[in-house]
Amino acid sequence: MSTMALVLGLFVVILLGLAAWRLLDHRADHEAMRKLEGTQPASPPVFTPEMITDLPEPARRYFLYTIQPGTPLRTVARLRMVGRFGMGNRENPNYLDFEATQVLAMPSGFVWKMRARRGLLRLSGSDSQRWTRFWLMGLLPIARFGGDADHTRSAFGRYVAESVFWSPAALLPDPGVTWEALGADQARVTVDHGDLSQSVDLSVSADGQPLLVRFQRWSNANPEKQHRLQSFGGYLSEFRTFDGFRLPTHVEAGNHFETEQYFPFFVADLTAVDFGR
């Protein structure tokens, strides 16, 4: 056998191996999504204003705006979205156009499965409380990390915050969820789950519409690449009603929120929400 044939055969074997690896990632993504959707309450109670009578006034306004009375309190949402994902910084955002499906199941976890493109460049992969893994052109693994305390803590901050605007039923009064007032139009929710704890601050309008969220997130998105608490947050707009929940369909969020370094690396438009009726 010639050297050329050996090289070609090795190349084919490597391609097949990478394709099989990518297929395993796809299967793991879908299996994790299926398990999270299985945590949806089978026969949830319906929302009544009496459920929130003991909450601070800004929190009551928030729930009355986001959940219509009589709505079944489903806490797991399957979301579809399109948008822009920034790979750069404030001076050079380096946006890619993306489309994604996400299962959000606070406090159990989430899976965000995406495909992005810019010109001929293709990026795909998924993010969850257990892993982050991205592939270039569907064949080259360029980022694979997670499974440690830093990743788990950072991911927890993300999906608690996202529950504030996309899964409000998961934040109703509960032994693991506490609310406090920060001002006439601001409230803080703290979620405790196992060894994890995350507080998220919410600003609302006079009628209770959520305007923005901010929180201290455990992150290494800094020049030193060191995990530490730093400001994260975003703005919410373009609300629509899905199965009794009034949710923002436009979100802009990023690291170093309300500082000079902030830029919205995550700009998303929600296109569909399924609460698994």
C-alpha atoms as a PDB file:
ATOM      1  CA  MET A   1       0.000   0.000   0.000  1.00  0.00           C
ATOM      2  CA  SER A   2       1.351   3.426  -0.939  1.00  0.00           C
ATOM      3  CA  THR A   3       2.117   6.182   1.545  1.00  0.00           C
ATOM      4  CA  MET A   4      -0.615   8.306  -0.039  1.00  0.00           C
ATOM      5  CA  ALA A   5      -3.179   5.562   0.520  1.00  0.00           C
ATOM      6  CA  LEU A   6      -2.094   5.199   4.162  1.00  0.00           C
ATOM      7  CA  VAL A   7      -2.415   8.925   4.742  1.00  0.00           C
ATOM      8  CA  LEU A   8      -5.809   8.991   3.067  1.00  0.00           C
ATOM      9  CA  GLY A   9      -6.989   6.012   5.109  1.00  0.00           C
ATOM     10  CA  LEU A  10      -5.807   7.624   8.343  1.00  0.00           C
ATOM     11  CA  PHE A  11      -7.571  10.853   7.385  1.00  0.00           C
ATOM     12  CA  VAL A  12     -10.828   8.979   6.772  1.00  0.00           C
ATOM     13  CA  VAL A  13     -10.535   7.173  10.113  1.00  0.00           C
ATOM     14  CA  ILE A  14      -9.979  10.486  11.920  1.00  0.00           C
ATOM     15  CA  LEU A  15     -13.002  12.048  10.189  1.00  0.00           C
ATOM     16  CA  LEU A  16     -15.193   9.086  11.083  1.00  0.00           C
ATOM     17  CA  GLY A  17     -14.003   9.238  14.670  1.00  0.00           C
ATOM     18  CA  LEU A  18     -14.770  12.951  14.945  1.00  0.00           C
ATOM     19  CA  ALA A  19     -18.194  12.438  13.353  1.00  0.00           C
ATOM     20  CA  ALA A  20     -18.977   9.678  15.852  1.00  0.00           C
ATOM     21  CA  TRP A  21     -17.833  11.911  18.720  1.00  0.00           C
ATOM     22  CA  ARG A  22     -20.091  14.713  17.479  1.00  0.00           C
ATOM     23  CA  LEU A  23     -23.004  12.263  17.252  1.00  0.00           C
ATOM     24  CA  LEU A  24     -22.446  11.240  20.874  1.00  0.00           C
ATOM     25  CA  ASP A  25     -22.628  14.913  21.883  1.00  0.00           C
ATOM     26  CA  HIS A  26     -25.937  15.287  20.025  1.00  0.00           C
ATOM     27  CA  ARG A  27     -27.359  12.249  21.790  1.00  0.00           C
ATOM     28  CA  ALA A  28     -26.172  13.488  25.197  1.00  0.00           C
ATOM     29  CA  ASP A  29     -27.783  16.897  24.538  1.00  0.00           C
ATOM     30  CA  HIS A  30     -31.150  15.376  23.655  1.00  0.00           C
ATOM     31  CA  GLU A  31     -31.057  12.912  26.542  1.00  0.00           C
ATOM     32  CA  ALA A  32     -30.312  15.709  29.014  1.00  0.00           C
ATOM     33  CA  MET A  33     -33.150  17.779  27.558  1.00  0.00           C
ATOM     34  CA  ARG A  34     -35.525  14.835  27.856  1.00  0.00           C
ATOM     35  CA  LYS A  35     -34.631  14.303  31.510  1.00  0.00           C
ATOM     36  CA  LEU A  36     -35.117  17.977  32.332  1.00  0.00           C
ATOM     37  CA  GLU A  37     -38.510  18.025  30.610  1.00  0.00           C
ATOM     38  CA  GLY A  38     -39.415  15.009  32.736  1.00  0.00           C
ATOM     39  CA  THR A  39     -39.243  17.234  35.832  1.00  0.00           C
ATOM     40  CA  GLN A  40     -42.279  19.215  34.621  1.00  0.00           C
ATOM     41  CA  PRO A  41     -45.102  18.948  37.194  1.00  0.00           C
ATOM     42  CA  ALA A  42     -47.747  16.582  35.820  1.00  0.00           C
ATOM     43  CA  SER A  43     -50.740  18.341  37.415  1.00  0.00           C
ATOM     44  CA  PRO A  44     -49.532  21.733  38.607  1.00  0.00           C
ATOM     45  CA  PRO A  45     -51.713  24.096  40.645  1.00  0.00           C
ATOM     46  CA  VAL A  46     -52.998  27.241  38.972  1.00  0.00           C
ATOM     47  CA  PHE A  47     -51.831  30.714  39.827  1.00  0.00           C
ATOM     48  CA  THR A  48     -53.862  32.865  42.213  1.00  0.00           C
ATOM     49  CA  PRO A  49     -52.926  36.272  43.648  1.00  0.00           C
ATOM     50  CA  GLU A  50     -53.286  34.802  47.148  1.00  0.00           C
ATOM     51  CA  MET A  51     -50.055  32.845  46.543  1.00  0.00           C
ATOM     52  CA  ILE A  52     -48.006  36.055  46.647  1.00  0.00           C
ATOM     53  CA  THR A  53     -49.707  38.104  49.365  1.00  0.00           C
ATOM     54  CA  ASP A  54     -46.681  37.835  51.680  1.00  0.00           C
ATOM     55  CA  LEU A  55     -44.119  38.933  49.086  1.00  0.00           C
ATOM     56  CA  PRO A  56     -42.625  42.452  48.852  1.00  0.00           C
ATOM     57  CA  GLU A  57     -44.701  44.798  46.738  1.00  0.00           C
ATOM     58  CA  PRO A  58     -42.325  44.941  43.712  1.00  0.00           C
ATOM     59  CA  ALA A  59     -42.265  41.126  43.631  1.00  0.00           C
ATOM     60  CA  ARG A  60     -46.066  40.962  43.762  1.00  0.00           C
ATOM     61  CA  ARG A  61     -46.244  43.370  40.815  1.00  0.00           C
ATOM     62  CA  TYR A  62     -43.768  41.219  38.906  1.00  0.00           C
ATOM     63  CA  PHE A  63     -45.825  38.036  39.340  1.00  0.00           C
ATOM     64  CA  LEU A  64     -49.125  39.734  38.575  1.00  0.00           C
ATOM     65  CA  TYR A  65     -47.615  41.018  35.330  1.00  0.00           C
ATOM     66  CA  THR A  66     -45.910  37.795  34.244  1.00  0.00           C
ATOM     67  CA  ILE A  67     -48.516  35.165  35.250  1.00  0.00           C
ATOM     68  CA  GLN A  68     -52.225  35.451  34.510  1.00  0.00           C
ATOM     69  CA  PRO A  69     -54.604  34.181  37.237  1.00  0.00           C
ATOM     70  CA  GLY A  70     -55.681  30.614  36.505  1.00  0.00           C
ATOM     71  CA  THR A  71     -52.477  29.729  34.617  1.00  0.00           C
ATOM     72  CA  PRO A  72     -51.168  26.199  35.355  1.00  0.00           C
ATOM     73  CA  LEU A  73     -47.819  26.696  37.084  1.00  0.00           C
ATOM     74  CA  ARG A  74     -45.543  24.786  34.757  1.00  0.00           C
ATOM     75  CA  THR A  75     -41.920  25.420  35.641  1.00  0.00           C
ATOM     76  CA  VAL A  76     -40.105  23.769  32.698  1.00  0.00           C
ATOM     77  CA  ALA A  77     -39.940  25.642  29.397  1.00  0.00           C
ATOM     78  CA  ARG A  78     -38.641  24.635  25.959  1.00  0.00           C
ATOM     79  CA  LEU A  79     -37.526  27.815  24.212  1.00  0.00           C
ATOM     80  CA  ARG A  80     -36.605  28.528  20.618  1.00  0.00           C
ATOM     81  CA  MET A  81     -34.631  31.643  19.781  1.00  0.00           C
ATOM     82  CA  VAL A  82     -32.526  33.409  17.179  1.00  0.00           C
ATOM     83  CA  GLY A  83     -30.030  36.171  17.695  1.00  0.00           C
ATOM     84  CA  ARG A  84     -26.394  37.215  17.834  1.00  0.00           C
ATOM     85  CA  PHE A  85     -23.625  35.712  19.958  1.00  0.00           C
ATOM     86  CA  GLY A  86     -20.521  37.849  20.524  1.00  0.00           C
ATOM     87  CA  MET A  87     -17.137  36.118  20.535  1.00  0.00           C
ATOM     88  CA  GLY A  88     -15.145  39.308  21.109  1.00  0.00           C
ATOM     89  CA  ASN A  89     -15.271  42.361  23.350  1.00  0.00           C
ATOM     90  CA  ARG A  90     -16.820  45.823  23.547  1.00  0.00           C
ATOM     91  CA  GLU A  91     -14.491  47.247  20.886  1.00  0.00           C
ATOM     92  CA  ASN A  92     -14.821  44.231  18.584  1.00  0.00           C
ATOM     93  CA  PRO A  93     -17.940  42.180  19.434  1.00  0.00           C
ATOM     94  CA  ASN A  94     -17.288  39.645  16.646  1.00  0.00           C
ATOM     95  CA  TYR A  95     -20.956  38.634  16.450  1.00  0.00           C
ATOM     96  CA  LEU A  96     -22.189  35.396  14.917  1.00  0.00           C
ATOM     97  CA  ASP A  97     -25.826  34.853  13.962  1.00  0.00           C
ATOM     98  CA  PHE A  98     -27.295  31.940  15.889  1.00  0.00           C
ATOM     99  CA  GLU A  99     -30.394  29.838  16.315  1.00  0.00           C
ATOM    100  CA  ALA A 100     -30.914  27.739  19.432  1.00  0.00           C
ATOM    101  CA  THR A 101     -33.228  25.497  21.401  1.00  0.00           C
ATOM    102  CA  GLN A 102     -33.137  25.575  25.175  1.00  0.00           C
ATOM    103  CA  VAL A 103     -34.785  23.550  27.920  1.00  0.00           C
ATOM    104  CA  LEU A 104     -34.925  25.588  31.124  1.00  0.00           C
ATOM    105  CA  ALA A 105     -35.808  23.678  34.295  1.00  0.00           C
ATOM    106  CA  MET A 106     -34.868  25.697  37.368  1.00  0.00           C
ATOM    107  CA  PRO A 107     -33.502  24.505  39.800  1.00  0.00           C
ATOM    108  CA  SER A 108     -32.570  21.221  38.080  1.00  0.00           C
ATOM    109  CA  GLY A 109     -30.638  22.737  35.193  1.00  0.00           C
ATOM    110  CA  PHE A 110     -30.753  23.739  31.538  1.00  0.00           C
ATOM    111  CA  VAL A 111     -29.445  22.790  28.105  1.00  0.00           C
ATOM    112  CA  TRP A 112     -28.856  25.444  25.424  1.00  0.00           C
ATOM    113  CA  LYS A 113     -28.194  23.828  22.032  1.00  0.00           C
ATOM    114  CA  MET A 114     -27.115  26.210  19.280  1.00  0.00           C
ATOM    115  CA  ARG A 115     -25.858  26.641  15.731  1.00  0.00           C
ATOM    116  CA  ALA A 116     -24.119  29.857  14.656  1.00  0.00           C
ATOM    117  CA  ARG A 117     -22.636  31.254  11.475  1.00  0.00           C
ATOM    118  CA  ARG A 118     -20.818  34.198   9.995  1.00  0.00           C
ATOM    119  CA  GLY A 119     -19.980  33.966   6.333  1.00  0.00           C
ATOM    120  CA  LEU A 120     -18.461  30.528   5.763  1.00  0.00           C
ATOM    121  CA  LEU A 121     -17.707  30.057   9.471  1.00  0.00           C
ATOM    122  CA  ARG A 122     -19.905  27.556  11.316  1.00  0.00           C
ATOM    123  CA  LEU A 123     -20.025  27.013  15.082  1.00  0.00           C
ATOM    124  CA  SER A 124     -22.279  24.598  16.944  1.00  0.00           C
ATOM    125  CA  GLY A 125     -22.557  22.972  20.338  1.00  0.00           C
ATOM    126  CA  SER A 126     -24.295  23.198  23.663  1.00  0.00           C
ATOM    127  CA  ASP A 127     -24.094  24.699  27.123  1.00  0.00           C
ATOM    128  CA  SER A 128     -25.536  23.281  30.347  1.00  0.00           C
ATOM    129  CA  GLN A 129     -24.952  23.132  34.074  1.00  0.00           C
ATOM    130  CA  ARG A 130     -22.734  20.099  33.409  1.00  0.00           C
ATOM    131  CA  TRP A 131     -20.731  21.102  30.335  1.00  0.00           C
ATOM    132  CA  THR A 132     -19.819  23.638  27.672  1.00  0.00           C
ATOM    133  CA  ARG A 133     -18.733  22.178  24.342  1.00  0.00           C
ATOM    134  CA  PHE A 134     -18.480  23.774  20.936  1.00  0.00           C
ATOM    135  CA  TRP A 135     -17.499  22.464  17.516  1.00  0.00           C
ATOM    136  CA  LEU A 136     -16.055  24.322  14.535  1.00  0.00           C
ATOM    137  CA  MET A 137     -17.536  23.362  11.158  1.00  0.00           C
ATOM    138  CA  GLY A 138     -19.250  20.396  12.852  1.00  0.00           C
ATOM    139  CA  LEU A 139     -16.020  18.386  13.031  1.00  0.00           C
ATOM    140  CA  LEU A 140     -13.373  20.153  15.138  1.00  0.00           C
ATOM    141  CA  PRO A 141     -13.876  20.336  18.925  1.00  0.00           C
ATOM    142  CA  ILE A 142     -12.667  23.799  19.967  1.00  0.00           C
ATOM    143  CA  ALA A 143     -14.058  24.113  23.513  1.00  0.00           C
ATOM    144  CA  ARG A 144     -14.814  21.361  26.015  1.00  0.00           C
ATOM    145  CA  PHE A 145     -15.003  22.120  29.702  1.00  0.00           C
ATOM    146  CA  GLY A 146     -17.260  21.755  32.718  1.00  0.00           C
ATOM    147  CA  GLY A 147     -17.882  19.169  35.380  1.00  0.00           C
ATOM    148  CA  ASP A 148     -16.151  21.201  38.081  1.00  0.00           C
ATOM    149  CA  ALA A 149     -17.319  23.496  40.885  1.00  0.00           C
ATOM    150  CA  ASP A 150     -16.503  26.715  38.993  1.00  0.00           C
ATOM    151  CA  HIS A 151     -18.534  25.736  35.946  1.00  0.00           C
ATOM    152  CA  THR A 152     -21.473  24.514  38.048  1.00  0.00           C
ATOM    153  CA  ARG A 153     -21.591  27.731  40.077  1.00  0.00           C
ATOM    154  CA  SER A 154     -21.362  29.943  36.991  1.00  0.00           C
ATOM    155  CA  ALA A 155     -24.073  27.991  35.170  1.00  0.00           C
ATOM    156  CA  PHE A 156     -26.362  28.168  38.201  1.00  0.00           C
ATOM    157  CA  GLY A 157     -26.204  31.954  38.067  1.00  0.00           C
ATOM    158  CA  ARG A 158     -27.185  31.879  34.406  1.00  0.00           C
ATOM    159  CA  TYR A 159     -30.255  29.716  34.685  1.00  0.00           C
ATOM    160  CA  VAL A 160     -31.559  31.297  37.887  1.00  0.00           C
ATOM    161  CA  ALA A 161     -31.411  34.681  36.135  1.00  0.00           C
ATOM    162  CA  GLU A 162     -33.055  33.310  32.993  1.00  0.00           C
ATOM    163  CA  SER A 163     -35.859  31.881  35.103  1.00  0.00           C
ATOM    164  CA  VAL A 164     -36.664  35.406  36.260  1.00  0.00           C
ATOM    165  CA  PHE A 165     -37.695  36.350  32.751  1.00  0.00           C
ATOM    166  CA  TRP A 166     -38.570  33.039  31.053  1.00  0.00           C
ATOM    167  CA  SER A 167     -39.889  30.768  33.826  1.00  0.00           C
ATOM    168  CA  PRO A 168     -41.520  32.879  36.546  1.00  0.00           C
ATOM    169  CA  ALA A 169     -43.531  29.968  38.000  1.00  0.00           C
ATOM    170  CA  ALA A 170     -40.242  28.440  39.200  1.00  0.00           C
ATOM    171  CA  LEU A 171     -39.688  31.473  41.437  1.00  0.00           C
ATOM    172  CA  LEU A 172     -42.931  31.527  43.378  1.00  0.00           C
ATOM    173  CA  PRO A 173     -42.620  31.271  47.191  1.00  0.00           C
ATOM    174  CA  ASP A 174     -40.927  28.013  48.162  1.00  0.00           C
ATOM    175  CA  PRO A 175     -38.510  26.826  50.855  1.00  0.00           C
ATOM    176  CA  GLY A 176     -35.672  27.276  48.349  1.00  0.00           C
ATOM    177  CA  VAL A 177     -36.819  30.673  47.037  1.00  0.00           C
ATOM    178  CA  THR A 178     -36.856  33.923  49.032  1.00  0.00           C
ATOM    179  CA  TRP A 179     -37.748  37.468  47.982  1.00  0.00           C
ATOM    180  CA  GLU A 180     -36.830  40.820  49.494  1.00  0.00           C
ATOM    181  CA  ALA A 181     -37.493  44.427  48.496  1.00  0.00           C
ATOM    182  CA  LEU A 182     -34.599  46.659  47.444  1.00  0.00           C
ATOM    183  CA  GLY A 183     -36.685  49.722  46.692  1.00  0.00           C
ATOM    184  CA  ALA A 184     -40.037  50.836  45.340  1.00  0.00           C
ATOM    185  CA  ASP A 185     -39.351  49.229  41.950  1.00  0.00           C
ATOM    186  CA  GLN A 186     -36.652  46.680  42.773  1.00  0.00           C
ATOM    187  CA  ALA A 187     -36.650  43.248  44.356  1.00  0.00           C
ATOM    188  CA  ARG A 188     -34.109  40.513  44.962  1.00  0.00           C
ATOM    189  CA  VAL A 189     -34.782  36.809  44.633  1.00  0.00           C
ATOM    190  CA  THR A 190     -32.408  34.265  46.173  1.00  0.00           C
ATOM    191  CA  VAL A 191     -32.500  30.626  45.119  1.00  0.00           C
ATOM    192  CA  ASP A 192     -30.866  27.927  47.235  1.00  0.00           C
ATOM    193  CA  HIS A 193     -30.364  24.473  45.725  1.00  0.00           C
ATOM    194  CA  GLY A 194     -28.101  21.989  47.440  1.00  0.00           C
ATOM    195  CA  ASP A 195     -24.766  23.716  48.030  1.00  0.00           C
ATOM    196  CA  LEU A 196     -25.568  26.473  45.510  1.00  0.00           C
ATOM    197  CA  SER A 197     -27.034  29.899  46.232  1.00  0.00           C
ATOM    198  CA  GLN A 198     -27.694  32.729  43.796  1.00  0.00           C
ATOM    199  CA  SER A 199     -29.291  36.139  44.224  1.00  0.00           C
ATOM    200  CA  VAL A 200     -30.698  38.084  41.268  1.00  0.00           C
ATOM    201  CA  ASP A 201     -31.903  41.689  41.382  1.00  0.00           C
ATOM    202  CA  LEU A 202     -34.913  42.665  39.295  1.00  0.00           C
ATOM    203  CA  SER A 203     -36.176  46.109  38.290  1.00  0.00           C
ATOM    204  CA  VAL A 204     -39.843  46.483  37.340  1.00  0.00           C
ATOM    205  CA  SER A 205     -42.018  49.225  35.902  1.00  0.00           C
ATOM    206  CA  ALA A 206     -45.094  50.679  37.587  1.00  0.00           C
ATOM    207  CA  ASP A 207     -47.269  47.881  36.176  1.00  0.00           C
ATOM    208  CA  GLY A 208     -44.766  45.147  37.131  1.00  0.00           C
ATOM    209  CA  GLN A 209     -43.116  44.591  33.748  1.00  0.00           C
ATOM    210  CA  PRO A 210     -39.548  43.335  34.252  1.00  0.00           C
ATOM    211  CA  LEU A 211     -37.109  45.850  32.792  1.00  0.00           C
ATOM    212  CA  LEU A 212     -33.701  44.439  33.642  1.00  0.00           C
ATOM    213  CA  VAL A 213     -31.918  41.883  35.770  1.00  0.00           C
ATOM    214  CA  ARG A 214     -28.505  42.169  37.397  1.00  0.00           C
ATOM    215  CA  PHE A 215     -26.515  39.849  39.615  1.00  0.00           C
ATOM    216  CA  GLN A 216     -23.043  38.906  40.736  1.00  0.00           C
ATOM    217  CA  ARG A 217     -22.014  35.921  38.622  1.00  0.00           C
ATOM    218  CA  TRP A 218     -19.126  33.553  39.270  1.00  0.00           C
ATOM    219  CA  SER A 219     -17.129  33.969  36.066  1.00  0.00           C
ATOM    220  CA  ASN A 220     -13.676  33.999  34.505  1.00  0.00           C
ATOM    221  CA  ALA A 221     -14.705  36.391  31.721  1.00  0.00           C
ATOM    222  CA  ASN A 222     -11.992  38.877  32.640  1.00  0.00           C
ATOM    223  CA  PRO A 223      -8.454  39.685  31.414  1.00  0.00           C
ATOM    224  CA  GLU A 224      -6.912  37.514  34.139  1.00  0.00           C
ATOM    225  CA  LYS A 225      -9.156  34.535  33.245  1.00  0.00           C
ATOM    226  CA  GLN A 226      -9.702  33.975  36.967  1.00  0.00           C
ATOM    227  CA  HIS A 227     -13.037  32.911  38.449  1.00  0.00           C
ATOM    228  CA  ARG A 228     -14.518  35.588  40.667  1.00  0.00           C
ATOM    229  CA  LEU A 229     -17.793  37.358  41.306  1.00  0.00           C
ATOM    230  CA  GLN A 230     -18.495  40.090  38.773  1.00  0.00           C
ATOM    231  CA  SER A 231     -21.473  41.999  37.481  1.00  0.00           C
ATOM    232  CA  PHE A 232     -23.690  40.331  34.879  1.00  0.00           C
ATOM    233  CA  GLY A 233     -27.074  41.430  33.615  1.00  0.00           C
ATOM    234  CA  GLY A 234     -29.293  42.488  30.786  1.00  0.00           C
ATOM    235  CA  TYR A 235     -32.341  44.306  29.469  1.00  0.00           C
ATOM    236  CA  LEU A 236     -35.761  42.792  28.720  1.00  0.00           C
ATOM    237  CA  SER A 237     -38.348  43.997  26.187  1.00  0.00           C
ATOM    238  CA  GLU A 238     -41.001  43.048  23.607  1.00  0.00           C
ATOM    239  CA  PHE A 239     -43.259  41.007  25.883  1.00  0.00           C
ATOM    240  CA  ARG A 240     -45.704  38.424  24.562  1.00  0.00           C
ATOM    241  CA  THR A 241     -48.047  35.946  26.235  1.00  0.00           C
ATOM    242  CA  PHE A 242     -47.402  32.186  26.035  1.00  0.00           C
ATOM    243  CA  ASP A 243     -49.860  29.830  27.768  1.00  0.00           C
ATOM    244  CA  GLY A 244     -50.713  32.442  30.381  1.00  0.00           C
ATOM    245  CA  PHE A 245     -47.138  33.646  30.965  1.00  0.00           C
ATOM    246  CA  ARG A 246     -46.152  37.131  29.774  1.00  0.00           C
ATOM    247  CA  LEU A 247     -42.472  36.885  28.831  1.00  0.00           C
ATOM    248  CA  PRO A 248     -39.842  39.082  27.159  1.00  0.00           C
ATOM    249  CA  THR A 249     -39.057  38.019  23.610  1.00  0.00           C
ATOM    250  CA  HIS A 250     -36.022  40.295  23.280  1.00  0.00           C
ATOM    251  CA  VAL A 251     -33.079  40.005  25.675  1.00  0.00           C
ATOM    252  CA  GLU A 252     -29.690  41.711  25.591  1.00  0.00           C
ATOM    253  CA  ALA A 253     -27.194  40.576  28.248  1.00  0.00           C
ATOM    254  CA  GLY A 254     -23.508  40.418  29.026  1.00  0.00           C
ATOM    255  CA  ASN A 255     -20.642  40.486  31.470  1.00  0.00           C
ATOM    256  CA  HIS A 256     -19.560  43.556  33.472  1.00  0.00           C
ATOM    257  CA  PHE A 257     -23.128  44.875  33.391  1.00  0.00           C
ATOM    258  CA  GLU A 258     -23.466  48.631  34.018  1.00  0.00           C
ATOM    259  CA  THR A 259     -19.707  49.178  33.755  1.00  0.00           C
ATOM    260  CA  GLU A 260     -17.524  50.582  30.965  1.00  0.00           C
ATOM    261  CA  GLN A 261     -16.541  47.049  29.928  1.00  0.00           C
ATOM    262  CA  TYR A 262     -20.119  45.893  29.328  1.00  0.00           C
ATOM    263  CA  PHE A 263     -21.219  44.778  25.898  1.00  0.00           C
ATOM    264  CA  PRO A 264     -24.223  42.538  25.167  1.00  0.00           C
ATOM    265  CA  PHE A 265     -22.566  39.371  23.854  1.00  0.00           C
ATOM    266  CA  PHE A 266     -25.962  37.610  24.044  1.00  0.00           C
ATOM    267  CA  VAL A 267     -28.725  39.239  21.974  1.00  0.00           C
ATOM    268  CA  ALA A 268     -31.710  36.924  21.566  1.00  0.00           C
ATOM    269  CA  ASP A 269     -35.203  37.039  20.131  1.00  0.00           C
ATOM    270  CA  LEU A 270     -37.560  34.366  21.402  1.00  0.00           C
ATOM    271  CA  THR A 271     -39.566  32.748  18.606  1.00  0.00           C
ATOM    272  CA  ALA A 272     -41.463  29.990  20.472  1.00  0.00           C
ATOM    273  CA  VAL A 273     -42.115  28.743  23.991  1.00  0.00           C
ATOM    274  CA  ASP A 274     -43.530  25.332  24.899  1.00  0.00           C
ATOM    275  CA  PHE A 275     -44.517  24.515  28.473  1.00  0.00           C
ATOM    276  CA  GLY A 276     -45.397  20.932  27.617  1.00  0.00           C
ATOM    277  CA  ARG A 277     -49.163  21.118  27.903  1.00  0.00           C
END
